[in-house]
């Protein structure tokens, strides 16, 4: 079994106006992006080439927005549990955006 291109746990996943999970998982594997609950249930999944991901200026540290995942807009807040001043949350969000770009998704 191949390792995922990107994996992050402890991710807050929101679809306005409500939070879907505070401890979810974001996984990019085999050309697909999957948003999972803390129990491993799939919230949404799509081919990475059909996903647009960006980090808007108002998202704050560690925030990334997936704008087109099956027509739904999700806000992902990565590294929220650590809140360390070393930039861990920002680095995780940056790695996520880079993984989406590498796997063929659009990045704004």
PDB file of N, CA and C in Angstrom:
ATOM      1  N   UNK A   1       0.845  -1.173   0.000  1.00  0.00           N
ATOM      2  CA  UNK A   1       0.000   0.000   0.000  1.00  0.00           C
ATOM      3  C   UNK A   1       0.893   1.240   0.000  1.00  0.00           C
ATOM      4  N   UNK A   2       0.594   2.175  -0.844  1.00  0.00           N
ATOM      5  CA  UNK A   2       1.391   3.394  -0.993  1.00  0.00           C
ATOM      6  C   UNK A   2       1.101   4.372   0.138  1.00  0.00           C
ATOM      7  N   UNK A   3       2.137   5.126   0.496  1.00  0.00           N
ATOM      8  CA  UNK A   3       1.966   6.178   1.495  1.00  0.00           C
ATOM      9  C   UNK A   3       1.176   7.327   0.891  1.00  0.00           C
ATOM     10  N   UNK A   4       0.405   8.047   1.727  1.00  0.00           N
ATOM     11  CA  UNK A   4      -0.333   9.200   1.202  1.00  0.00           C
ATOM     12  C   UNK A   4       0.614  10.329   0.826  1.00  0.00           C
ATOM     13  N   UNK A   5       0.204  11.144  -0.149  1.00  0.00           N
ATOM     14  CA  UNK A   5       0.971  12.329  -0.537  1.00  0.00           C
ATOM     15  C   UNK A   5       0.944  13.375   0.574  1.00  0.00           C
ATOM     16  N   UNK A   6      -0.171  13.426   1.304  1.00  0.00           N
ATOM     17  CA  UNK A   6      -0.319  14.364   2.406  1.00  0.00           C
ATOM     18  C   UNK A   6      -1.328  13.801   3.392  1.00  0.00           C
ATOM     19  N   UNK A   7      -1.059  13.978   4.664  1.00  0.00           N
ATOM     20  CA  UNK A   7      -1.989  13.566   5.704  1.00  0.00           C
ATOM     21  C   UNK A   7      -1.840  14.511   6.885  1.00  0.00           C
ATOM     22  N   UNK A   8      -2.949  14.994   7.400  1.00  0.00           N
ATOM     23  CA  UNK A   8      -2.936  15.841   8.589  1.00  0.00           C
ATOM     24  C   UNK A   8      -4.123  15.458   9.470  1.00  0.00           C
ATOM     25  N   UNK A   9      -3.880  15.311  10.745  1.00  0.00           N
ATOM     26  CA  UNK A   9      -4.946  14.998  11.693  1.00  0.00           C
ATOM     27  C   UNK A   9      -5.150  16.191  12.612  1.00  0.00           C
ATOM     28  N   UNK A  10      -6.230  16.164  13.364  1.00  0.00           N
ATOM     29  CA  UNK A  10      -6.541  17.271  14.261  1.00  0.00           C
ATOM     30  C   UNK A  10      -6.969  18.519  13.517  1.00  0.00           C
ATOM     31  N   UNK A  11      -7.592  18.331  12.349  1.00  0.00           N
ATOM     32  CA  UNK A  11      -7.996  19.445  11.494  1.00  0.00           C
ATOM     33  C   UNK A  11      -9.458  19.805  11.766  1.00  0.00           C
ATOM     34  N   UNK A  12      -9.720  21.078  11.986  1.00  0.00           N
ATOM     35  CA  UNK A  12     -11.104  21.547  12.122  1.00  0.00           C
ATOM     36  C   UNK A  12     -11.662  21.712  10.701  1.00  0.00           C
ATOM     37  N   UNK A  13     -12.769  21.039  10.415  1.00  0.00           N
ATOM     38  CA  UNK A  13     -13.390  21.101   9.092  1.00  0.00           C
ATOM     39  C   UNK A  13     -14.761  21.743   9.246  1.00  0.00           C
ATOM     40  N   UNK A  14     -14.936  22.865   8.548  1.00  0.00           N
ATOM     41  CA  UNK A  14     -16.196  23.610   8.627  1.00  0.00           C
ATOM     42  C   UNK A  14     -16.793  23.761   7.238  1.00  0.00           C
ATOM     43  N   UNK A  15     -18.086  23.654   7.162  1.00  0.00           N
ATOM     44  CA  UNK A  15     -18.837  24.011   5.958  1.00  0.00           C
ATOM     45  C   UNK A  15     -19.896  24.980   6.434  1.00  0.00           C
ATOM     46  N   UNK A  16     -19.724  26.233   6.041  1.00  0.00           N
ATOM     47  CA  UNK A  16     -20.547  27.297   6.578  1.00  0.00           C
ATOM     48  C   UNK A  16     -22.013  26.926   6.539  1.00  0.00           C
ATOM     49  N   UNK A  17     -22.747  27.103   7.579  1.00  0.00           N
ATOM     50  CA  UNK A  17     -22.489  27.864   8.797  1.00  0.00           C
ATOM     51  C   UNK A  17     -22.093  27.005   9.996  1.00  0.00           C
ATOM     52  N   UNK A  18     -21.689  25.760   9.792  1.00  0.00           N
ATOM     53  CA  UNK A  18     -21.415  24.933  10.970  1.00  0.00           C
ATOM     54  C   UNK A  18     -20.113  24.162  10.855  1.00  0.00           C
ATOM     55  N   UNK A  19     -19.633  23.751  12.022  1.00  0.00           N
ATOM     56  CA  UNK A  19     -18.431  22.930  12.099  1.00  0.00           C
ATOM     57  C   UNK A  19     -18.835  21.470  11.930  1.00  0.00           C
ATOM     58  N   UNK A  20     -18.121  20.751  11.080  1.00  0.00           N
ATOM     59  CA  UNK A  20     -18.403  19.333  10.882  1.00  0.00           C
ATOM     60  C   UNK A  20     -17.600  18.462  11.841  1.00  0.00           C
ATOM     61  N   UNK A  21     -16.374  18.860  12.126  1.00  0.00           N
ATOM     62  CA  UNK A  21     -15.542  18.151  13.101  1.00  0.00           C
ATOM     63  C   UNK A  21     -14.413  19.060  13.549  1.00  0.00           C
ATOM     64  N   UNK A  22     -13.992  18.878  14.789  1.00  0.00           N
ATOM     65  CA  UNK A  22     -12.863  19.651  15.317  1.00  0.00           C
ATOM     66  C   UNK A  22     -11.571  18.853  15.282  1.00  0.00           C
ATOM     67  N   UNK A  23     -11.665  17.567  15.010  1.00  0.00           N
ATOM     68  CA  UNK A  23     -10.480  16.710  15.025  1.00  0.00           C
ATOM     69  C   UNK A  23     -10.480  15.792  13.807  1.00  0.00           C
ATOM     70  N   UNK A  24     -10.750  16.361  12.640  1.00  0.00           N
ATOM     71  CA  UNK A  24     -10.828  15.568  11.423  1.00  0.00           C
ATOM     72  C   UNK A  24      -9.468  15.272  10.816  1.00  0.00           C
ATOM     73  N   UNK A  25      -9.510  14.659   9.642  1.00  0.00           N
ATOM     74  CA  UNK A  25      -8.292  14.316   8.925  1.00  0.00           C
ATOM     75  C   UNK A  25      -8.424  14.723   7.467  1.00  0.00           C
ATOM     76  N   UNK A  26      -7.347  15.248   6.914  1.00  0.00           N
ATOM     77  CA  UNK A  26      -7.269  15.586   5.498  1.00  0.00           C
ATOM     78  C   UNK A  26      -6.253  14.638   4.899  1.00  0.00           C
ATOM     79  N   UNK A  27      -6.636  13.968   3.816  1.00  0.00           N
ATOM     80  CA  UNK A  27      -5.787  12.949   3.218  1.00  0.00           C
ATOM     81  C   UNK A  27      -5.755  13.129   1.709  1.00  0.00           C
ATOM     82  N   UNK A  28      -4.557  13.179   1.141  1.00  0.00           N
ATOM     83  CA  UNK A  28      -4.384  13.169  -0.312  1.00  0.00           C
ATOM     84  C   UNK A  28      -3.640  11.889  -0.645  1.00  0.00           C
ATOM     85  N   UNK A  29      -4.315  11.024  -1.380  1.00  0.00           N
ATOM     86  CA  UNK A  29      -3.732   9.724  -1.708  1.00  0.00           C
ATOM     87  C   UNK A  29      -4.297   9.248  -3.043  1.00  0.00           C
ATOM     88  N   UNK A  30      -3.427   8.723  -3.879  1.00  0.00           N
ATOM     89  CA  UNK A  30      -3.824   8.186  -5.188  1.00  0.00           C
ATOM     90  C   UNK A  30      -4.618   9.185  -6.016  1.00  0.00           C
ATOM     91  N   UNK A  31      -4.241  10.466  -5.938  1.00  0.00           N
ATOM     92  CA  UNK A  31      -4.887  11.486  -6.751  1.00  0.00           C
ATOM     93  C   UNK A  31      -6.239  11.950  -6.254  1.00  0.00           C
ATOM     94  N   UNK A  32      -6.606  11.607  -5.011  1.00  0.00           N
ATOM     95  CA  UNK A  32      -7.883  12.028  -4.438  1.00  0.00           C
ATOM     96  C   UNK A  32      -7.656  12.750  -3.120  1.00  0.00           C
ATOM     97  N   UNK A  33      -8.481  13.757  -2.887  1.00  0.00           N
ATOM     98  CA  UNK A  33      -8.489  14.474  -1.619  1.00  0.00           C
ATOM     99  C   UNK A  33      -9.709  13.984  -0.845  1.00  0.00           C
ATOM    100  N   UNK A  34      -9.491  13.578   0.399  1.00  0.00           N
ATOM    101  CA  UNK A  34     -10.590  13.110   1.241  1.00  0.00           C
ATOM    102  C   UNK A  34     -10.583  13.890   2.551  1.00  0.00           C
ATOM    103  N   UNK A  35     -11.771  14.303   2.976  1.00  0.00           N
ATOM    104  CA  UNK A  35     -11.967  14.925   4.278  1.00  0.00           C
ATOM    105  C   UNK A  35     -12.659  13.891   5.146  1.00  0.00           C
ATOM    106  N   UNK A  36     -12.063  13.556   6.291  1.00  0.00           N
ATOM    107  CA  UNK A  36     -12.566  12.486   7.150  1.00  0.00           C
ATOM    108  C   UNK A  36     -12.886  13.014   8.553  1.00  0.00           C
ATOM    109  N   UNK A  37     -13.855  12.378   9.207  1.00  0.00           N
ATOM    110  CA  UNK A  37     -14.133  12.702  10.603  1.00  0.00           C
ATOM    111  C   UNK A  37     -13.058  12.057  11.467  1.00  0.00           C
ATOM    112  N   UNK A  38     -13.101  12.328  12.755  1.00  0.00           N
ATOM    113  CA  UNK A  38     -12.132  11.724  13.674  1.00  0.00           C
ATOM    114  C   UNK A  38     -12.313  10.214  13.774  1.00  0.00           C
ATOM    115  N   UNK A  39     -13.460   9.713  13.359  1.00  0.00           N
ATOM    116  CA  UNK A  39     -13.724   8.277  13.366  1.00  0.00           C
ATOM    117  C   UNK A  39     -13.415   7.608  12.029  1.00  0.00           C
ATOM    118  N   UNK A  40     -12.929   8.380  11.054  1.00  0.00           N
ATOM    119  CA  UNK A  40     -12.562   7.820   9.763  1.00  0.00           C
ATOM    120  C   UNK A  40     -13.675   7.806   8.729  1.00  0.00           C
ATOM    121  N   UNK A  41     -14.843   8.360   9.054  1.00  0.00           N
ATOM    122  CA  UNK A  41     -15.954   8.428   8.096  1.00  0.00           C
ATOM    123  C   UNK A  41     -15.677   9.544   7.098  1.00  0.00           C
ATOM    124  N   UNK A  42     -15.936   9.268   5.825  1.00  0.00           N
ATOM    125  CA  UNK A  42     -15.673  10.247   4.773  1.00  0.00           C
ATOM    126  C   UNK A  42     -16.742  11.335   4.789  1.00  0.00           C
ATOM    127  N   UNK A  43     -16.297  12.585   4.926  1.00  0.00           N
ATOM    128  CA  UNK A  43     -17.198  13.738   4.836  1.00  0.00           C
ATOM    129  C   UNK A  43     -17.414  14.074   3.369  1.00  0.00           C
ATOM    130  N   UNK A  44     -16.324  14.150   2.622  1.00  0.00           N
ATOM    131  CA  UNK A  44     -16.372  14.452   1.197  1.00  0.00           C
ATOM    132  C   UNK A  44     -15.056  13.996   0.573  1.00  0.00           C
ATOM    133  N   UNK A  45     -15.110  13.690  -0.709  1.00  0.00           N
ATOM    134  CA  UNK A  45     -13.930  13.223  -1.426  1.00  0.00           C
ATOM    135  C   UNK A  45     -14.073  13.604  -2.893  1.00  0.00           C
ATOM    136  N   UNK A  46     -12.942  13.923  -3.534  1.00  0.00           N
ATOM    137  CA  UNK A  46     -12.958  14.294  -4.948  1.00  0.00           C
ATOM    138  C   UNK A  46     -11.553  14.118  -5.521  1.00  0.00           C
ATOM    139  N   UNK A  47     -11.451  13.956  -6.842  1.00  0.00           N
ATOM    140  CA  UNK A  47     -10.125  13.945  -7.467  1.00  0.00           C
ATOM    141  C   UNK A  47      -9.440  15.293  -7.227  1.00  0.00           C
ATOM    142  N   UNK A  48      -8.151  15.257  -6.952  1.00  0.00           N
ATOM    143  CA  UNK A  48      -7.421  16.486  -6.633  1.00  0.00           C
ATOM    144  C   UNK A  48      -7.455  17.474  -7.789  1.00  0.00           C
ATOM    145  N   UNK A  49      -7.462  16.982  -9.020  1.00  0.00           N
ATOM    146  CA  UNK A  49      -7.464  17.912 -10.160  1.00  0.00           C
ATOM    147  C   UNK A  49      -8.757  18.733 -10.232  1.00  0.00           C
ATOM    148  N   UNK A  50      -9.795  18.310  -9.509  1.00  0.00           N
ATOM    149  CA  UNK A  50     -11.057  19.044  -9.493  1.00  0.00           C
ATOM    150  C   UNK A  50     -11.199  19.934  -8.254  1.00  0.00           C
ATOM    151  N   UNK A  51     -10.145  20.018  -7.459  1.00  0.00           N
ATOM    152  CA  UNK A  51     -10.182  20.774  -6.210  1.00  0.00           C
ATOM    153  C   UNK A  51      -9.433  22.085  -6.372  1.00  0.00           C
ATOM    154  N   UNK A  52      -9.995  23.159  -5.823  1.00  0.00           N
ATOM    155  CA  UNK A  52      -9.290  24.448  -5.749  1.00  0.00           C
ATOM    156  C   UNK A  52      -9.028  24.738  -4.288  1.00  0.00           C
ATOM    157  N   UNK A  53      -7.793  24.995  -3.963  1.00  0.00           N
ATOM    158  CA  UNK A  53      -7.428  25.277  -2.574  1.00  0.00           C
ATOM    159  C   UNK A  53      -6.657  26.586  -2.518  1.00  0.00           C
ATOM    160  N   UNK A  54      -6.951  27.380  -1.520  1.00  0.00           N
ATOM    161  CA  UNK A  54      -6.236  28.633  -1.349  1.00  0.00           C
ATOM    162  C   UNK A  54      -6.215  29.003   0.121  1.00  0.00           C
ATOM    163  N   UNK A  55      -5.362  29.950   0.450  1.00  0.00           N
ATOM    164  CA  UNK A  55      -5.297  30.474   1.800  1.00  0.00           C
ATOM    165  C   UNK A  55      -5.604  31.960   1.721  1.00  0.00           C
ATOM    166  N   UNK A  56      -6.851  32.350   1.968  1.00  0.00           N
ATOM    167  CA  UNK A  56      -7.208  33.760   1.892  1.00  0.00           C
ATOM    168  C   UNK A  56      -6.560  34.555   3.026  1.00  0.00           C
ATOM    169  N   UNK A  57      -6.401  35.832   2.813  1.00  0.00           N
ATOM    170  CA  UNK A  57      -5.736  36.686   3.791  1.00  0.00           C
ATOM    171  C   UNK A  57      -6.457  36.714   5.134  1.00  0.00           C
ATOM    172  N   UNK A  58      -7.776  36.500   5.139  1.00  0.00           N
ATOM    173  CA  UNK A  58      -8.540  36.592   6.378  1.00  0.00           C
ATOM    174  C   UNK A  58      -8.608  35.279   7.146  1.00  0.00           C
ATOM    175  N   UNK A  59      -8.016  34.198   6.618  1.00  0.00           N
ATOM    176  CA  UNK A  59      -8.124  32.890   7.258  1.00  0.00           C
ATOM    177  C   UNK A  59      -7.273  32.767   8.514  1.00  0.00           C
ATOM    178  N   UNK A  60      -6.284  33.608   8.677  1.00  0.00           N
ATOM    179  CA  UNK A  60      -5.453  33.549   9.871  1.00  0.00           C
ATOM    180  C   UNK A  60      -4.388  32.475   9.756  1.00  0.00           C
ATOM    181  N   UNK A  61      -3.661  32.294  10.835  1.00  0.00           N
ATOM    182  CA  UNK A  61      -2.570  31.324  10.848  1.00  0.00           C
ATOM    183  C   UNK A  61      -3.122  29.901  10.738  1.00  0.00           C
ATOM    184  N   UNK A  62      -2.591  29.141   9.804  1.00  0.00           N
ATOM    185  CA  UNK A  62      -2.958  27.752   9.675  1.00  0.00           C
ATOM    186  C   UNK A  62      -4.234  27.501   8.906  1.00  0.00           C
ATOM    187  N   UNK A  63      -4.882  28.546   8.411  1.00  0.00           N
ATOM    188  CA  UNK A  63      -6.139  28.348   7.702  1.00  0.00           C
ATOM    189  C   UNK A  63      -5.919  28.098   6.233  1.00  0.00           C
ATOM    190  N   UNK A  64      -6.736  27.249   5.665  1.00  0.00           N
ATOM    191  CA  UNK A  64      -6.727  27.015   4.222  1.00  0.00           C
ATOM    192  C   UNK A  64      -8.178  26.804   3.820  1.00  0.00           C
ATOM    193  N   UNK A  65      -8.542  27.248   2.636  1.00  0.00           N
ATOM    194  CA  UNK A  65      -9.921  27.092   2.200  1.00  0.00           C
ATOM    195  C   UNK A  65      -9.952  26.199   0.976  1.00  0.00           C
ATOM    196  N   UNK A  66     -10.720  25.145   1.014  1.00  0.00           N
ATOM    197  CA  UNK A  66     -10.954  24.335  -0.171  1.00  0.00           C
ATOM    198  C   UNK A  66     -12.238  24.868  -0.768  1.00  0.00           C
ATOM    199  N   UNK A  67     -12.149  25.479  -1.923  1.00  0.00           N
ATOM    200  CA  UNK A  67     -13.308  26.199  -2.443  1.00  0.00           C
ATOM    201  C   UNK A  67     -14.217  25.358  -3.315  1.00  0.00           C
ATOM    202  N   UNK A  68     -13.666  24.407  -4.033  1.00  0.00           N
ATOM    203  CA  UNK A  68     -14.527  23.604  -4.895  1.00  0.00           C
ATOM    204  C   UNK A  68     -14.217  22.123  -4.699  1.00  0.00           C
ATOM    205  N   UNK A  69     -14.897  21.541  -3.764  1.00  0.00           N
ATOM    206  CA  UNK A  69     -14.823  20.108  -3.522  1.00  0.00           C
ATOM    207  C   UNK A  69     -16.245  19.598  -3.668  1.00  0.00           C
ATOM    208  N   UNK A  70     -16.558  19.099  -4.861  1.00  0.00           N
ATOM    209  CA  UNK A  70     -17.920  18.664  -5.194  1.00  0.00           C
ATOM    210  C   UNK A  70     -18.944  19.776  -5.001  1.00  0.00           C
ATOM    211  N   UNK A  71     -18.543  20.996  -5.330  1.00  0.00           N
ATOM    212  CA  UNK A  71     -19.462  22.123  -5.263  1.00  0.00           C
ATOM    213  C   UNK A  71     -19.655  22.715  -3.882  1.00  0.00           C
ATOM    214  N   UNK A  72     -18.930  22.211  -2.889  1.00  0.00           N
ATOM    215  CA  UNK A  72     -19.053  22.722  -1.524  1.00  0.00           C
ATOM    216  C   UNK A  72     -17.789  23.454  -1.133  1.00  0.00           C
ATOM    217  N   UNK A  73     -17.942  24.454  -0.280  1.00  0.00           N
ATOM    218  CA  UNK A  73     -16.810  25.225   0.228  1.00  0.00           C
ATOM    219  C   UNK A  73     -16.546  24.799   1.671  1.00  0.00           C
ATOM    220  N   UNK A  74     -15.321  24.410   1.921  1.00  0.00           N
ATOM    221  CA  UNK A  74     -14.912  23.992   3.257  1.00  0.00           C
ATOM    222  C   UNK A  74     -13.805  24.898   3.757  1.00  0.00           C
ATOM    223  N   UNK A  75     -13.814  25.147   5.052  1.00  0.00           N
ATOM    224  CA  UNK A  75     -12.692  25.847   5.675  1.00  0.00           C
ATOM    225  C   UNK A  75     -11.967  24.825   6.535  1.00  0.00           C
ATOM    226  N   UNK A  76     -10.677  24.711   6.299  1.00  0.00           N
ATOM    227  CA  UNK A  76      -9.839  23.783   7.051  1.00  0.00           C
ATOM    228  C   UNK A  76      -8.901  24.589   7.924  1.00  0.00           C
ATOM    229  N   UNK A  77      -8.872  24.294   9.207  1.00  0.00           N
ATOM    230  CA  UNK A  77      -7.946  24.946  10.117  1.00  0.00           C
ATOM    231  C   UNK A  77      -7.013  23.870  10.634  1.00  0.00           C
ATOM    232  N   UNK A  78      -5.752  23.949  10.214  1.00  0.00           N
ATOM    233  CA  UNK A  78      -4.782  22.912  10.540  1.00  0.00           C
ATOM    234  C   UNK A  78      -3.888  23.331  11.689  1.00  0.00           C
ATOM    235  N   UNK A  79      -3.513  22.367  12.502  1.00  0.00           N
ATOM    236  CA  UNK A  79      -2.610  22.639  13.607  1.00  0.00           C
ATOM    237  C   UNK A  79      -3.244  23.416  14.729  1.00  0.00           C
ATOM    238  N   UNK A  80      -4.563  23.373  14.849  1.00  0.00           N
ATOM    239  CA  UNK A  80      -5.251  24.165  15.859  1.00  0.00           C
ATOM    240  C   UNK A  80      -4.962  23.686  17.275  1.00  0.00           C
ATOM    241  N   UNK A  81      -4.646  22.426  17.434  1.00  0.00           N
ATOM    242  CA  UNK A  81      -4.404  21.903  18.777  1.00  0.00           C
ATOM    243  C   UNK A  81      -3.064  22.365  19.338  1.00  0.00           C
ATOM    244  N   UNK A  82      -2.079  22.501  18.474  1.00  0.00           N
ATOM    245  CA  UNK A  82      -0.746  22.816  18.974  1.00  0.00           C
ATOM    246  C   UNK A  82      -0.617  24.285  19.375  1.00  0.00           C
ATOM    247  N   UNK A  83      -1.070  25.207  18.544  1.00  0.00           N
ATOM    248  CA  UNK A  83      -0.994  26.646  18.809  1.00  0.00           C
ATOM    249  C   UNK A  83       0.403  27.068  19.270  1.00  0.00           C
ATOM    250  N   UNK A  84       1.415  26.440  18.712  1.00  0.00           N
ATOM    251  CA  UNK A  84       2.777  26.771  19.093  1.00  0.00           C
ATOM    252  C   UNK A  84       3.275  27.957  18.287  1.00  0.00           C
ATOM    253  N   UNK A  85       4.124  28.787  18.885  1.00  0.00           N
ATOM    254  CA  UNK A  85       4.616  29.971  18.180  1.00  0.00           C
ATOM    255  C   UNK A  85       5.650  29.659  17.100  1.00  0.00           C
ATOM    256  N   UNK A  86       6.013  28.378  16.931  1.00  0.00           N
ATOM    257  CA  UNK A  86       7.049  28.035  15.952  1.00  0.00           C
ATOM    258  C   UNK A  86       6.531  27.944  14.518  1.00  0.00           C
ATOM    259  N   UNK A  87       5.257  28.218  14.305  1.00  0.00           N
ATOM    260  CA  UNK A  87       4.715  28.218  12.947  1.00  0.00           C
ATOM    261  C   UNK A  87       4.307  26.852  12.438  1.00  0.00           C
ATOM    262  N   UNK A  88       4.106  25.875  13.311  1.00  0.00           N
ATOM    263  CA  UNK A  88       3.739  24.522  12.901  1.00  0.00           C
ATOM    264  C   UNK A  88       2.440  24.508  12.099  1.00  0.00           C
ATOM    265  N   UNK A  89       1.425  25.254  12.552  1.00  0.00           N
ATOM    266  CA  UNK A  89       0.141  25.290  11.849  1.00  0.00           C
ATOM    267  C   UNK A  89       0.295  25.886  10.459  1.00  0.00           C
ATOM    268  N   UNK A  90       1.054  26.953  10.351  1.00  0.00           N
ATOM    269  CA  UNK A  90       1.271  27.590   9.058  1.00  0.00           C
ATOM    270  C   UNK A  90       2.027  26.661   8.124  1.00  0.00           C
ATOM    271  N   UNK A  91       3.008  25.937   8.644  1.00  0.00           N
ATOM    272  CA  UNK A  91       3.782  24.995   7.828  1.00  0.00           C
ATOM    273  C   UNK A  91       2.898  23.863   7.322  1.00  0.00           C
ATOM    274  N   UNK A  92       1.990  23.356   8.161  1.00  0.00           N
ATOM    275  CA  UNK A  92       1.088  22.280   7.749  1.00  0.00           C
ATOM    276  C   UNK A  92       0.163  22.757   6.640  1.00  0.00           C
ATOM    277  N   UNK A  93      -0.392  23.947   6.772  1.00  0.00           N
ATOM    278  CA  UNK A  93      -1.269  24.494   5.734  1.00  0.00           C
ATOM    279  C   UNK A  93      -0.497  24.688   4.436  1.00  0.00           C
ATOM    280  N   UNK A  94       0.725  25.155   4.541  1.00  0.00           N
ATOM    281  CA  UNK A  94       1.558  25.334   3.351  1.00  0.00           C
ATOM    282  C   UNK A  94       1.865  24.010   2.668  1.00  0.00           C
ATOM    283  N   UNK A  95       2.160  22.963   3.465  1.00  0.00           N
ATOM    284  CA  UNK A  95       2.406  21.636   2.887  1.00  0.00           C
ATOM    285  C   UNK A  95       1.153  21.095   2.202  1.00  0.00           C
ATOM    286  N   UNK A  96      -0.023  21.372   2.789  1.00  0.00           N
ATOM    287  CA  UNK A  96      -1.280  20.947   2.176  1.00  0.00           C
ATOM    288  C   UNK A  96      -1.471  21.614   0.817  1.00  0.00           C
ATOM    289  N   UNK A  97      -1.291  22.931   0.771  1.00  0.00           N
ATOM    290  CA  UNK A  97      -1.468  23.652  -0.488  1.00  0.00           C
ATOM    291  C   UNK A  97      -0.466  23.173  -1.535  1.00  0.00           C
ATOM    292  N   UNK A  98       0.751  22.903  -1.128  1.00  0.00           N
ATOM    293  CA  UNK A  98       1.770  22.401  -2.054  1.00  0.00           C
ATOM    294  C   UNK A  98       1.417  20.998  -2.552  1.00  0.00           C
ATOM    295  N   UNK A  99       0.893  20.141  -1.677  1.00  0.00           N
ATOM    296  CA  UNK A  99       0.497  18.789  -2.080  1.00  0.00           C
ATOM    297  C   UNK A  99      -0.658  18.820  -3.081  1.00  0.00           C
ATOM    298  N   UNK A 100      -1.616  19.733  -2.876  1.00  0.00           N
ATOM    299  CA  UNK A 100      -2.724  19.886  -3.829  1.00  0.00           C
ATOM    300  C   UNK A 100      -2.178  20.326  -5.182  1.00  0.00           C
ATOM    301  N   UNK A 101      -1.259  21.275  -5.160  1.00  0.00           N
ATOM    302  CA  UNK A 101      -0.670  21.781  -6.403  1.00  0.00           C
ATOM    303  C   UNK A 101       0.099  20.679  -7.119  1.00  0.00           C
ATOM    304  N   UNK A 102       0.915  19.921  -6.390  1.00  0.00           N
ATOM    305  CA  UNK A 102       1.705  18.831  -6.981  1.00  0.00           C
ATOM    306  C   UNK A 102       0.825  17.746  -7.576  1.00  0.00           C
ATOM    307  N   UNK A 103      -0.293  17.447  -6.910  1.00  0.00           N
ATOM    308  CA  UNK A 103      -1.173  16.369  -7.366  1.00  0.00           C
ATOM    309  C   UNK A 103      -2.075  16.793  -8.515  1.00  0.00           C
ATOM    310  N   UNK A 104      -1.986  18.050  -8.932  1.00  0.00           N
ATOM    311  CA  UNK A 104      -2.737  18.479 -10.099  1.00  0.00           C
ATOM    312  C   UNK A 104      -3.927  19.361  -9.841  1.00  0.00           C
ATOM    313  N   UNK A 105      -4.139  19.775  -8.589  1.00  0.00           N
ATOM    314  CA  UNK A 105      -5.254  20.658  -8.282  1.00  0.00           C
ATOM    315  C   UNK A 105      -4.889  22.097  -8.527  1.00  0.00           C
ATOM    316  N   UNK A 106      -5.907  22.923  -8.655  1.00  0.00           N
ATOM    317  CA  UNK A 106      -5.676  24.365  -8.854  1.00  0.00           C
ATOM    318  C   UNK A 106      -5.427  25.016  -7.522  1.00  0.00           C
ATOM    319  N   UNK A 107      -4.551  25.993  -7.508  1.00  0.00           N
ATOM    320  CA  UNK A 107      -4.241  26.703  -6.273  1.00  0.00           C
ATOM    321  C   UNK A 107      -4.307  28.191  -6.553  1.00  0.00           C
ATOM    322  N   UNK A 108      -5.009  28.902  -5.708  1.00  0.00           N
ATOM    323  CA  UNK A 108      -5.106  30.362  -5.856  1.00  0.00           C
ATOM    324  C   UNK A 108      -4.348  31.043  -4.761  1.00  0.00           C
TER     325      UNK A 108
END
